[in-house]
C-alpha cells in the first residue's frame, strides 16, 4: 500500500536536526534572557529577543552592547566580531514577530506557572509545527506547562545558569511526552554553542543543580535568620572550604532575591510544608526593595553589575 503524499505541515513538523536550529526566539529580556540571547547570537544564530516592556528591551540592548565592548577592550574580540553578533540580534515587543519563524523558543519569564502557560499557549498559536518550545524555569516542571500546547513531544525544560559564559552548562529535562528526537536535537544545539548538556533522566523539581543549591542556600538563610553567623562569615566559610570565589549570599544577590523567593514559593506550594516557605530574612530584603545586583543592594552593595566581566566571549568556562 502506498503512503499518502507528505503534506507541507508534515514536513514542517519533522524533528529538527541540531544543525537545523538556526532561528532562536528568547521570551523575556531580564538578566538571564538577555544573556541567553547574546550567547546564541555569539554562536551564529539569528535571534529575536522579546519582552512586553520596551524599557526592558532597551536595558538588555545596553547590557549586551557593553558586554561586547568589554570584550574588545580586553582583547578577546574584535570590532568585526562584535558588529556581526549585534547584527544577528533583534528585539521586539511583538511575540508574533519574534516567534513566527523560530526553530526553537526559550521562555525566560517570571517563575509563575499560569504566566508560563499563557505564554506557551500563545506560542502554540504563533509558531510553525516544527518549533521546539522550551522553558528556562528553574523549579517548574515542563509537564505542568505542556498541556497548554498541542505538541507535548516538542516541549522541555532548558535550565541555564547565569552568567552563561562562566557556567557553560544547561540542564535538559523532558516532560511526560517529550520525544527522544527533540531531546537529541536540543542537546546537539546546546553543545554546538559550547555548553555541556546535562540530561535529567526523570522529572524532578529543581533538576540536579538547584536541588543541591537549594540545600546550601536554605541552610545559609537559616543560619543568618537565627543569628548564628553573619552574611560575610557564612560566605567566607563557604569560599575557603569549597575553594570558590563566591559565597551563597553573593550568589543569591546575583540571581536576584525576588527570583530566589519565587523558586522557594514553588517548593512550598507543592509540599504545603511550612518549613519550605520562603525564609523571613529573604522576605524582608524584598520588601525593602533590595533585590541584589540588579538593584545595587541585596545582602551586599554593588557599584556595577557583578556579571559585567571580560573573558566570556571565547567560552573559557573558567570557574
C-alpha atoms as a PDB file:
ATOM      1  CA  UNK A   1       0.000   0.000   0.000  1.00  0.00           C
ATOM      2  CA  UNK A   2       1.321   3.384  -0.968  1.00  0.00           C
ATOM      3  CA  UNK A   3       1.717   6.063   1.658  1.00  0.00           C
ATOM      4  CA  UNK A   4      -0.292   9.245   1.315  1.00  0.00           C
ATOM      5  CA  UNK A   5       1.802  12.150  -0.021  1.00  0.00           C
ATOM      6  CA  UNK A   6       3.545  14.105   2.712  1.00  0.00           C
ATOM      7  CA  UNK A   7       1.956  17.477   3.280  1.00  0.00           C
ATOM      8  CA  UNK A   8       3.814  20.726   3.890  1.00  0.00           C
ATOM      9  CA  UNK A   9       2.643  20.640   7.520  1.00  0.00           C
ATOM     10  CA  UNK A  10       4.070  17.095   7.880  1.00  0.00           C
ATOM     11  CA  UNK A  11       7.407  18.335   6.607  1.00  0.00           C
ATOM     12  CA  UNK A  12       7.394  21.305   8.963  1.00  0.00           C
ATOM     13  CA  UNK A  13       6.600  19.039  11.906  1.00  0.00           C
ATOM     14  CA  UNK A  14       9.584  16.748  11.308  1.00  0.00           C
ATOM     15  CA  UNK A  15      12.105  16.548  14.169  1.00  0.00           C
ATOM     16  CA  UNK A  16      14.868  19.109  13.728  1.00  0.00           C
ATOM     17  CA  UNK A  17      18.492  18.106  13.382  1.00  0.00           C
ATOM     18  CA  UNK A  18      20.774  20.108  15.718  1.00  0.00           C
ATOM     19  CA  UNK A  19      22.336  21.989  12.799  1.00  0.00           C
ATOM     20  CA  UNK A  20      18.834  22.980  11.639  1.00  0.00           C
ATOM     21  CA  UNK A  21      18.212  25.051  14.760  1.00  0.00           C
ATOM     22  CA  UNK A  22      19.307  28.409  13.407  1.00  0.00           C
ATOM     23  CA  UNK A  23      16.464  30.770  14.318  1.00  0.00           C
ATOM     24  CA  UNK A  24      16.061  31.409  18.023  1.00  0.00           C
ATOM     25  CA  UNK A  25      13.391  33.307  19.936  1.00  0.00           C
ATOM     26  CA  UNK A  26      14.047  34.243  23.570  1.00  0.00           C
ATOM     27  CA  UNK A  27      10.970  35.397  25.507  1.00  0.00           C
ATOM     28  CA  UNK A  28      11.875  37.634  28.433  1.00  0.00           C
ATOM     29  CA  UNK A  29      14.585  40.326  28.397  1.00  0.00           C
ATOM     30  CA  UNK A  30      15.760  40.199  32.004  1.00  0.00           C
ATOM     31  CA  UNK A  31      19.355  39.398  33.009  1.00  0.00           C
ATOM     32  CA  UNK A  32      19.020  35.721  32.121  1.00  0.00           C
ATOM     33  CA  UNK A  33      17.078  36.206  28.898  1.00  0.00           C
ATOM     34  CA  UNK A  34      19.470  38.849  27.583  1.00  0.00           C
ATOM     35  CA  UNK A  35      22.457  36.602  28.348  1.00  0.00           C
ATOM     36  CA  UNK A  36      20.924  33.585  26.605  1.00  0.00           C
ATOM     37  CA  UNK A  37      20.050  35.692  23.559  1.00  0.00           C
ATOM     38  CA  UNK A  38      23.567  37.106  23.389  1.00  0.00           C
ATOM     39  CA  UNK A  39      25.147  33.671  23.771  1.00  0.00           C
ATOM     40  CA  UNK A  40      23.071  32.293  20.891  1.00  0.00           C
ATOM     41  CA  UNK A  41      23.968  35.279  18.686  1.00  0.00           C
ATOM     42  CA  UNK A  42      27.648  34.889  19.531  1.00  0.00           C
ATOM     43  CA  UNK A  43      27.425  31.364  18.165  1.00  0.00           C
ATOM     44  CA  UNK A  44      25.984  32.339  14.811  1.00  0.00           C
ATOM     45  CA  UNK A  45      22.235  32.079  15.423  1.00  0.00           C
ATOM     46  CA  UNK A  46      19.694  34.641  14.285  1.00  0.00           C
ATOM     47  CA  UNK A  47      17.988  35.741  17.489  1.00  0.00           C
ATOM     48  CA  UNK A  48      14.817  37.615  18.341  1.00  0.00           C
ATOM     49  CA  UNK A  49      14.615  38.837  21.948  1.00  0.00           C
ATOM     50  CA  UNK A  50      11.035  39.561  23.026  1.00  0.00           C
ATOM     51  CA  UNK A  51       9.630  41.401  26.002  1.00  0.00           C
ATOM     52  CA  UNK A  52       6.366  43.277  26.524  1.00  0.00           C
ATOM     53  CA  UNK A  53       8.388  46.113  28.053  1.00  0.00           C
ATOM     54  CA  UNK A  54      10.246  48.403  25.658  1.00  0.00           C
ATOM     55  CA  UNK A  55      12.258  49.605  28.662  1.00  0.00           C
ATOM     56  CA  UNK A  56      13.403  46.050  29.438  1.00  0.00           C
ATOM     57  CA  UNK A  57      14.488  45.584  25.830  1.00  0.00           C
ATOM     58  CA  UNK A  58      16.407  48.873  25.943  1.00  0.00           C
ATOM     59  CA  UNK A  59      18.200  47.790  29.124  1.00  0.00           C
ATOM     60  CA  UNK A  60      19.012  44.419  27.568  1.00  0.00           C
ATOM     61  CA  UNK A  61      20.458  46.102  24.480  1.00  0.00           C
ATOM     62  CA  UNK A  62      22.629  48.365  26.613  1.00  0.00           C
ATOM     63  CA  UNK A  63      23.893  45.428  28.681  1.00  0.00           C
ATOM     64  CA  UNK A  64      24.613  43.339  25.585  1.00  0.00           C
ATOM     65  CA  UNK A  65      26.494  46.154  23.866  1.00  0.00           C
ATOM     66  CA  UNK A  66      28.526  46.863  26.986  1.00  0.00           C
ATOM     67  CA  UNK A  67      29.443  43.208  27.373  1.00  0.00           C
ATOM     68  CA  UNK A  68      30.670  43.108  23.783  1.00  0.00           C
ATOM     69  CA  UNK A  69      32.580  46.385  24.150  1.00  0.00           C
ATOM     70  CA  UNK A  70      34.306  44.956  27.220  1.00  0.00           C
ATOM     71  CA  UNK A  71      35.482  42.014  25.148  1.00  0.00           C
ATOM     72  CA  UNK A  72      37.066  44.329  22.599  1.00  0.00           C
ATOM     73  CA  UNK A  73      38.762  46.347  25.345  1.00  0.00           C
ATOM     74  CA  UNK A  74      40.010  43.117  26.952  1.00  0.00           C
ATOM     75  CA  UNK A  75      41.463  41.992  23.610  1.00  0.00           C
ATOM     76  CA  UNK A  76      39.411  38.810  23.368  1.00  0.00           C
ATOM     77  CA  UNK A  77      37.266  40.012  20.447  1.00  0.00           C
ATOM     78  CA  UNK A  78      37.500  42.472  17.606  1.00  0.00           C
ATOM     79  CA  UNK A  79      35.059  45.062  16.360  1.00  0.00           C
ATOM     80  CA  UNK A  80      34.083  42.969  13.327  1.00  0.00           C
ATOM     81  CA  UNK A  81      33.042  40.080  15.575  1.00  0.00           C
ATOM     82  CA  UNK A  82      31.071  42.459  17.778  1.00  0.00           C
ATOM     83  CA  UNK A  83      29.297  44.011  14.793  1.00  0.00           C
ATOM     84  CA  UNK A  84      28.415  40.582  13.398  1.00  0.00           C
ATOM     85  CA  UNK A  85      26.953  39.482  16.738  1.00  0.00           C
ATOM     86  CA  UNK A  86      24.857  42.624  17.069  1.00  0.00           C
ATOM     87  CA  UNK A  87      23.659  42.150  13.505  1.00  0.00           C
ATOM     88  CA  UNK A  88      22.199  38.773  14.466  1.00  0.00           C
ATOM     89  CA  UNK A  89      20.303  40.206  17.461  1.00  0.00           C
ATOM     90  CA  UNK A  90      16.897  41.809  17.066  1.00  0.00           C
ATOM     91  CA  UNK A  91      14.446  42.956  19.718  1.00  0.00           C
ATOM     92  CA  UNK A  92      10.686  43.415  19.666  1.00  0.00           C
ATOM     93  CA  UNK A  93       7.642  43.848  21.875  1.00  0.00           C
ATOM     94  CA  UNK A  94       5.646  41.691  19.430  1.00  0.00           C
ATOM     95  CA  UNK A  95       5.669  37.992  20.259  1.00  0.00           C
ATOM     96  CA  UNK A  96       4.234  37.211  16.818  1.00  0.00           C
ATOM     97  CA  UNK A  97       7.162  38.937  15.141  1.00  0.00           C
ATOM     98  CA  UNK A  98       9.703  37.225  17.389  1.00  0.00           C
ATOM     99  CA  UNK A  99       8.389  33.654  17.192  1.00  0.00           C
ATOM    100  CA  UNK A 100       6.749  33.328  13.764  1.00  0.00           C
ATOM    101  CA  UNK A 101       9.763  31.631  12.143  1.00  0.00           C
ATOM    102  CA  UNK A 102      11.581  30.276  15.192  1.00  0.00           C
ATOM    103  CA  UNK A 103      13.168  26.834  15.217  1.00  0.00           C
ATOM    104  CA  UNK A 104      13.362  26.979  19.000  1.00  0.00           C
ATOM    105  CA  UNK A 105      11.821  29.252  21.627  1.00  0.00           C
ATOM    106  CA  UNK A 106      13.453  29.686  25.028  1.00  0.00           C
ATOM    107  CA  UNK A 107      10.990  31.170  27.521  1.00  0.00           C
ATOM    108  CA  UNK A 108      12.568  33.150  30.378  1.00  0.00           C
ATOM    109  CA  UNK A 109       9.666  34.944  32.062  1.00  0.00           C
ATOM    110  CA  UNK A 110       8.781  35.230  35.754  1.00  0.00           C
ATOM    111  CA  UNK A 111       8.615  31.970  37.732  1.00  0.00           C
ATOM    112  CA  UNK A 112       4.822  31.873  37.610  1.00  0.00           C
ATOM    113  CA  UNK A 113       3.022  28.776  36.328  1.00  0.00           C
ATOM    114  CA  UNK A 114      -0.053  30.492  34.894  1.00  0.00           C
ATOM    115  CA  UNK A 115       2.047  33.147  33.171  1.00  0.00           C
ATOM    116  CA  UNK A 116       4.221  30.496  31.569  1.00  0.00           C
ATOM    117  CA  UNK A 117       1.186  28.511  30.434  1.00  0.00           C
ATOM    118  CA  UNK A 118      -0.259  31.661  28.886  1.00  0.00           C
ATOM    119  CA  UNK A 119       2.992  32.282  27.009  1.00  0.00           C
ATOM    120  CA  UNK A 120       3.122  28.678  25.764  1.00  0.00           C
ATOM    121  CA  UNK A 121      -0.489  28.804  24.576  1.00  0.00           C
ATOM    122  CA  UNK A 122       0.310  31.941  22.614  1.00  0.00           C
ATOM    123  CA  UNK A 123       3.451  30.359  21.176  1.00  0.00           C
ATOM    124  CA  UNK A 124       1.390  27.343  20.130  1.00  0.00           C
ATOM    125  CA  UNK A 125      -0.778  29.673  18.067  1.00  0.00           C
ATOM    126  CA  UNK A 126       2.126  31.595  16.538  1.00  0.00           C
ATOM    127  CA  UNK A 127       4.894  29.082  15.920  1.00  0.00           C
ATOM    128  CA  UNK A 128       5.233  26.670  12.980  1.00  0.00           C
ATOM    129  CA  UNK A 129       4.649  22.964  13.732  1.00  0.00           C
ATOM    130  CA  UNK A 130       8.363  22.153  13.836  1.00  0.00           C
ATOM    131  CA  UNK A 131       9.213  24.724  16.538  1.00  0.00           C
ATOM    132  CA  UNK A 132      10.588  23.351  19.801  1.00  0.00           C
ATOM    133  CA  UNK A 133       9.206  25.137  22.870  1.00  0.00           C
ATOM    134  CA  UNK A 134      11.372  25.282  25.989  1.00  0.00           C
ATOM    135  CA  UNK A 135      11.253  26.914  29.389  1.00  0.00           C
ATOM    136  CA  UNK A 136      14.223  28.115  31.397  1.00  0.00           C
ATOM    137  CA  UNK A 137      12.216  27.572  34.583  1.00  0.00           C
ATOM    138  CA  UNK A 138      14.477  26.602  37.436  1.00  0.00           C
ATOM    139  CA  UNK A 139      11.768  24.925  39.502  1.00  0.00           C
ATOM    140  CA  UNK A 140       8.600  24.349  37.455  1.00  0.00           C
ATOM    141  CA  UNK A 141       8.500  21.035  35.604  1.00  0.00           C
ATOM    142  CA  UNK A 142       7.517  21.385  31.958  1.00  0.00           C
ATOM    143  CA  UNK A 143       4.869  18.667  32.393  1.00  0.00           C
ATOM    144  CA  UNK A 144       2.871  21.341  34.248  1.00  0.00           C
ATOM    145  CA  UNK A 145       3.089  23.568  31.175  1.00  0.00           C
ATOM    146  CA  UNK A 146       2.961  21.176  28.211  1.00  0.00           C
ATOM    147  CA  UNK A 147      -0.844  20.817  28.111  1.00  0.00           C
ATOM    148  CA  UNK A 148      -1.045  24.469  27.057  1.00  0.00           C
ATOM    149  CA  UNK A 149       0.184  23.225  23.658  1.00  0.00           C
ATOM    150  CA  UNK A 150      -0.740  20.510  21.158  1.00  0.00           C
ATOM    151  CA  UNK A 151       2.909  19.490  20.740  1.00  0.00           C
ATOM    152  CA  UNK A 152       3.962  17.931  24.078  1.00  0.00           C
ATOM    153  CA  UNK A 153       6.571  15.891  22.211  1.00  0.00           C
ATOM    154  CA  UNK A 154       8.382  19.151  21.405  1.00  0.00           C
ATOM    155  CA  UNK A 155       8.468  20.808  24.842  1.00  0.00           C
ATOM    156  CA  UNK A 156      11.109  20.553  27.560  1.00  0.00           C
ATOM    157  CA  UNK A 157      12.989  22.385  30.291  1.00  0.00           C
ATOM    158  CA  UNK A 158      16.266  24.040  29.290  1.00  0.00           C
ATOM    159  CA  UNK A 159      17.713  25.413  32.502  1.00  0.00           C
ATOM    160  CA  UNK A 160      20.672  27.802  32.096  1.00  0.00           C
ATOM    161  CA  UNK A 161      22.708  29.258  34.951  1.00  0.00           C
ATOM    162  CA  UNK A 162      23.946  32.836  34.906  1.00  0.00           C
ATOM    163  CA  UNK A 163      26.340  34.155  33.897  1.00  0.00           C
ATOM    164  CA  UNK A 164      26.118  31.820  30.925  1.00  0.00           C
ATOM    165  CA  UNK A 165      29.718  32.367  29.784  1.00  0.00           C
ATOM    166  CA  UNK A 166      31.139  31.496  33.217  1.00  0.00           C
ATOM    167  CA  UNK A 167      28.883  28.491  33.841  1.00  0.00           C
ATOM    168  CA  UNK A 168      28.626  26.889  30.389  1.00  0.00           C
ATOM    169  CA  UNK A 169      26.133  24.141  31.100  1.00  0.00           C
ATOM    170  CA  UNK A 170      22.415  23.664  30.634  1.00  0.00           C
ATOM    171  CA  UNK A 171      20.119  21.096  32.237  1.00  0.00           C
ATOM    172  CA  UNK A 172      17.679  19.391  29.870  1.00  0.00           C
ATOM    173  CA  UNK A 173      14.588  17.758  31.346  1.00  0.00           C
ATOM    174  CA  UNK A 174      11.697  16.376  29.338  1.00  0.00           C
ATOM    175  CA  UNK A 175       8.012  16.355  30.175  1.00  0.00           C
ATOM    176  CA  UNK A 176       5.558  13.476  30.041  1.00  0.00           C
ATOM    177  CA  UNK A 177       5.762  13.098  26.253  1.00  0.00           C
ATOM    178  CA  UNK A 178       8.983  14.796  25.116  1.00  0.00           C
ATOM    179  CA  UNK A 179      10.388  12.755  22.242  1.00  0.00           C
ATOM    180  CA  UNK A 180      13.904  11.350  22.060  1.00  0.00           C
ATOM    181  CA  UNK A 181      14.329  13.211  18.769  1.00  0.00           C
ATOM    182  CA  UNK A 182      13.523  16.535  20.441  1.00  0.00           C
ATOM    183  CA  UNK A 183      15.938  15.891  23.309  1.00  0.00           C
ATOM    184  CA  UNK A 184      18.693  14.869  20.888  1.00  0.00           C
ATOM    185  CA  UNK A 185      18.128  17.954  18.739  1.00  0.00           C
ATOM    186  CA  UNK A 186      18.277  20.336  21.678  1.00  0.00           C
ATOM    187  CA  UNK A 187      21.287  18.549  23.171  1.00  0.00           C
ATOM    188  CA  UNK A 188      23.165  18.945  19.903  1.00  0.00           C
ATOM    189  CA  UNK A 189      22.112  22.572  19.608  1.00  0.00           C
ATOM    190  CA  UNK A 190      23.390  23.378  23.087  1.00  0.00           C
ATOM    191  CA  UNK A 191      26.666  21.537  22.533  1.00  0.00           C
ATOM    192  CA  UNK A 192      27.216  23.451  19.290  1.00  0.00           C
ATOM    193  CA  UNK A 193      27.279  26.610  21.451  1.00  0.00           C
ATOM    194  CA  UNK A 194      29.929  25.262  23.808  1.00  0.00           C
ATOM    195  CA  UNK A 195      27.511  24.228  26.565  1.00  0.00           C
ATOM    196  CA  UNK A 196      27.594  20.967  28.487  1.00  0.00           C
ATOM    197  CA  UNK A 197      24.114  19.458  28.185  1.00  0.00           C
ATOM    198  CA  UNK A 198      23.212  17.684  31.437  1.00  0.00           C
ATOM    199  CA  UNK A 199      20.382  15.207  30.847  1.00  0.00           C
ATOM    200  CA  UNK A 200      17.992  14.902  33.786  1.00  0.00           C
ATOM    201  CA  UNK A 201      16.730  11.332  33.417  1.00  0.00           C
ATOM    202  CA  UNK A 202      13.430  11.772  35.257  1.00  0.00           C
ATOM    203  CA  UNK A 203      11.318  14.783  36.143  1.00  0.00           C
ATOM    204  CA  UNK A 204      12.493  16.373  39.335  1.00  0.00           C
ATOM    205  CA  UNK A 205      11.602  19.758  40.805  1.00  0.00           C
ATOM    206  CA  UNK A 206      14.879  21.669  40.893  1.00  0.00           C
ATOM    207  CA  UNK A 207      16.628  19.442  38.339  1.00  0.00           C
ATOM    208  CA  UNK A 208      20.128  18.474  39.575  1.00  0.00           C
ATOM    209  CA  UNK A 209      21.955  21.693  40.379  1.00  0.00           C
ATOM    210  CA  UNK A 210      19.086  23.526  42.063  1.00  0.00           C
ATOM    211  CA  UNK A 211      18.356  20.620  44.391  1.00  0.00           C
ATOM    212  CA  UNK A 212      21.948  20.781  45.654  1.00  0.00           C
ATOM    213  CA  UNK A 213      21.995  24.597  45.596  1.00  0.00           C
ATOM    214  CA  UNK A 214      18.666  24.814  47.418  1.00  0.00           C
ATOM    215  CA  UNK A 215      20.045  22.900  50.385  1.00  0.00           C
ATOM    216  CA  UNK A 216      23.023  25.263  50.561  1.00  0.00           C
ATOM    217  CA  UNK A 217      21.020  28.494  50.282  1.00  0.00           C
ATOM    218  CA  UNK A 218      18.312  27.408  52.740  1.00  0.00           C
ATOM    219  CA  UNK A 219      20.860  26.433  55.381  1.00  0.00           C
ATOM    220  CA  UNK A 220      22.722  29.702  54.822  1.00  0.00           C
ATOM    221  CA  UNK A 221      19.497  31.702  55.225  1.00  0.00           C
ATOM    222  CA  UNK A 222      18.578  29.683  58.350  1.00  0.00           C
ATOM    223  CA  UNK A 223      21.963  30.384  59.954  1.00  0.00           C
ATOM    224  CA  UNK A 224      21.540  34.097  59.254  1.00  0.00           C
ATOM    225  CA  UNK A 225      17.886  34.158  60.342  1.00  0.00           C
ATOM    226  CA  UNK A 226      18.750  32.526  63.680  1.00  0.00           C
ATOM    227  CA  UNK A 227      21.693  34.851  64.313  1.00  0.00           C
ATOM    228  CA  UNK A 228      24.254  32.045  64.198  1.00  0.00           C
ATOM    229  CA  UNK A 229      26.662  33.913  61.901  1.00  0.00           C
ATOM    230  CA  UNK A 230      26.888  36.992  59.680  1.00  0.00           C
ATOM    231  CA  UNK A 231      26.433  37.125  55.912  1.00  0.00           C
ATOM    232  CA  UNK A 232      30.143  37.779  55.469  1.00  0.00           C
ATOM    233  CA  UNK A 233      31.311  34.942  57.715  1.00  0.00           C
ATOM    234  CA  UNK A 234      28.943  32.407  56.170  1.00  0.00           C
ATOM    235  CA  UNK A 235      30.182  33.372  52.704  1.00  0.00           C
ATOM    236  CA  UNK A 236      33.844  33.357  53.749  1.00  0.00           C
ATOM    237  CA  UNK A 237      33.488  29.929  55.357  1.00  0.00           C
ATOM    238  CA  UNK A 238      31.971  28.531  52.167  1.00  0.00           C
ATOM    239  CA  UNK A 239      34.524  30.213  49.889  1.00  0.00           C
ATOM    240  CA  UNK A 240      37.535  28.926  51.835  1.00  0.00           C
ATOM    241  CA  UNK A 241      36.242  25.404  52.341  1.00  0.00           C
ATOM    242  CA  UNK A 242      34.907  24.931  48.805  1.00  0.00           C
ATOM    243  CA  UNK A 243      37.683  26.942  47.108  1.00  0.00           C
ATOM    244  CA  UNK A 244      35.064  29.172  45.497  1.00  0.00           C
ATOM    245  CA  UNK A 245      35.285  32.833  44.518  1.00  0.00           C
ATOM    246  CA  UNK A 246      31.710  33.491  45.686  1.00  0.00           C
ATOM    247  CA  UNK A 247      29.622  32.556  48.713  1.00  0.00           C
ATOM    248  CA  UNK A 248      25.922  31.610  48.931  1.00  0.00           C
ATOM    249  CA  UNK A 249      24.676  35.147  49.713  1.00  0.00           C
ATOM    250  CA  UNK A 250      26.647  36.709  46.872  1.00  0.00           C
ATOM    251  CA  UNK A 251      25.241  34.027  44.587  1.00  0.00           C
ATOM    252  CA  UNK A 252      21.686  34.808  45.706  1.00  0.00           C
ATOM    253  CA  UNK A 253      22.319  38.509  45.073  1.00  0.00           C
ATOM    254  CA  UNK A 254      23.457  37.729  41.545  1.00  0.00           C
ATOM    255  CA  UNK A 255      20.406  35.552  40.829  1.00  0.00           C
ATOM    256  CA  UNK A 256      18.014  38.139  42.287  1.00  0.00           C
ATOM    257  CA  UNK A 257      16.412  37.766  45.708  1.00  0.00           C
ATOM    258  CA  UNK A 258      12.925  38.002  44.223  1.00  0.00           C
ATOM    259  CA  UNK A 259      13.775  35.101  41.909  1.00  0.00           C
ATOM    260  CA  UNK A 260      15.149  33.101  44.851  1.00  0.00           C
ATOM    261  CA  UNK A 261      11.894  33.781  46.755  1.00  0.00           C
ATOM    262  CA  UNK A 262       9.725  32.764  43.774  1.00  0.00           C
ATOM    263  CA  UNK A 263      11.578  29.461  43.491  1.00  0.00           C
ATOM    264  CA  UNK A 264      11.149  28.770  47.210  1.00  0.00           C
ATOM    265  CA  UNK A 265       7.457  29.532  46.815  1.00  0.00           C
ATOM    266  CA  UNK A 266       7.128  26.811  44.160  1.00  0.00           C
ATOM    267  CA  UNK A 267       8.542  24.217  46.565  1.00  0.00           C
ATOM    268  CA  UNK A 268       6.239  25.476  49.322  1.00  0.00           C
ATOM    269  CA  UNK A 269       3.126  25.313  47.125  1.00  0.00           C
ATOM    270  CA  UNK A 270       3.995  21.749  46.099  1.00  0.00           C
ATOM    271  CA  UNK A 271       4.666  20.425  49.605  1.00  0.00           C
ATOM    272  CA  UNK A 272       2.495  22.622  51.835  1.00  0.00           C
ATOM    273  CA  UNK A 273       5.209  22.192  54.463  1.00  0.00           C
ATOM    274  CA  UNK A 274       5.776  25.436  56.438  1.00  0.00           C
ATOM    275  CA  UNK A 275       9.490  24.605  56.510  1.00  0.00           C
ATOM    276  CA  UNK A 276       9.520  25.128  52.737  1.00  0.00           C
ATOM    277  CA  UNK A 277       8.086  28.664  52.957  1.00  0.00           C
ATOM    278  CA  UNK A 278      10.446  31.469  51.896  1.00  0.00           C
ATOM    279  CA  UNK A 279      12.557  32.492  54.936  1.00  0.00           C
ATOM    280  CA  UNK A 280      11.700  35.684  56.816  1.00  0.00           C
ATOM    281  CA  UNK A 281      15.057  37.363  56.142  1.00  0.00           C
ATOM    282  CA  UNK A 282      14.518  36.911  52.408  1.00  0.00           C
ATOM    283  CA  UNK A 283      11.024  38.421  52.514  1.00  0.00           C
ATOM    284  CA  UNK A 284      12.346  41.404  54.495  1.00  0.00           C
ATOM    285  CA  UNK A 285      15.012  42.154  51.890  1.00  0.00           C
ATOM    286  CA  UNK A 286      12.466  42.014  49.090  1.00  0.00           C
ATOM    287  CA  UNK A 287      10.020  44.240  50.972  1.00  0.00           C
ATOM    288  CA  UNK A 288      12.801  46.823  51.286  1.00  0.00           C
ATOM    289  CA  UNK A 289      13.413  46.723  47.531  1.00  0.00           C
ATOM    290  CA  UNK A 290      16.847  45.152  47.971  1.00  0.00           C
ATOM    291  CA  UNK A 291      16.839  42.523  45.240  1.00  0.00           C
ATOM    292  CA  UNK A 292      20.579  42.080  44.754  1.00  0.00           C
ATOM    293  CA  UNK A 293      22.855  43.057  41.884  1.00  0.00           C
ATOM    294  CA  UNK A 294      20.053  44.347  39.666  1.00  0.00           C
ATOM    295  CA  UNK A 295      19.001  46.988  42.220  1.00  0.00           C
ATOM    296  CA  UNK A 296      22.500  47.713  43.536  1.00  0.00           C
ATOM    297  CA  UNK A 297      21.670  46.368  47.007  1.00  0.00           C
ATOM    298  CA  UNK A 298      20.902  42.935  48.410  1.00  0.00           C
ATOM    299  CA  UNK A 299      22.913  41.170  51.072  1.00  0.00           C
ATOM    300  CA  UNK A 300      25.774  43.280  49.672  1.00  0.00           C
ATOM    301  CA  UNK A 301      26.005  46.590  47.793  1.00  0.00           C
ATOM    302  CA  UNK A 302      27.132  46.756  44.157  1.00  0.00           C
ATOM    303  CA  UNK A 303      28.630  49.721  42.290  1.00  0.00           C
ATOM    304  CA  UNK A 304      28.025  47.918  38.981  1.00  0.00           C
ATOM    305  CA  UNK A 305      26.640  44.581  37.792  1.00  0.00           C
ATOM    306  CA  UNK A 306      28.934  41.871  39.103  1.00  0.00           C
ATOM    307  CA  UNK A 307      28.478  39.796  35.959  1.00  0.00           C
ATOM    308  CA  UNK A 308      29.953  42.566  33.770  1.00  0.00           C
ATOM    309  CA  UNK A 309      33.327  40.890  33.339  1.00  0.00           C
ATOM    310  CA  UNK A 310      35.516  40.267  30.280  1.00  0.00           C
ATOM    311  CA  UNK A 311      36.537  36.814  29.151  1.00  0.00           C
ATOM    312  CA  UNK A 312      33.263  35.126  28.263  1.00  0.00           C
ATOM    313  CA  UNK A 313      33.399  35.517  24.506  1.00  0.00           C
ATOM    314  CA  UNK A 314      35.778  32.652  23.838  1.00  0.00           C
ATOM    315  CA  UNK A 315      33.879  30.316  26.149  1.00  0.00           C
ATOM    316  CA  UNK A 316      36.715  29.769  28.620  1.00  0.00           C
ATOM    317  CA  UNK A 317      34.328  28.243  31.160  1.00  0.00           C
ATOM    318  CA  UNK A 318      36.761  29.087  33.943  1.00  0.00           C
ATOM    319  CA  UNK A 319      35.422  28.921  37.469  1.00  0.00           C
END
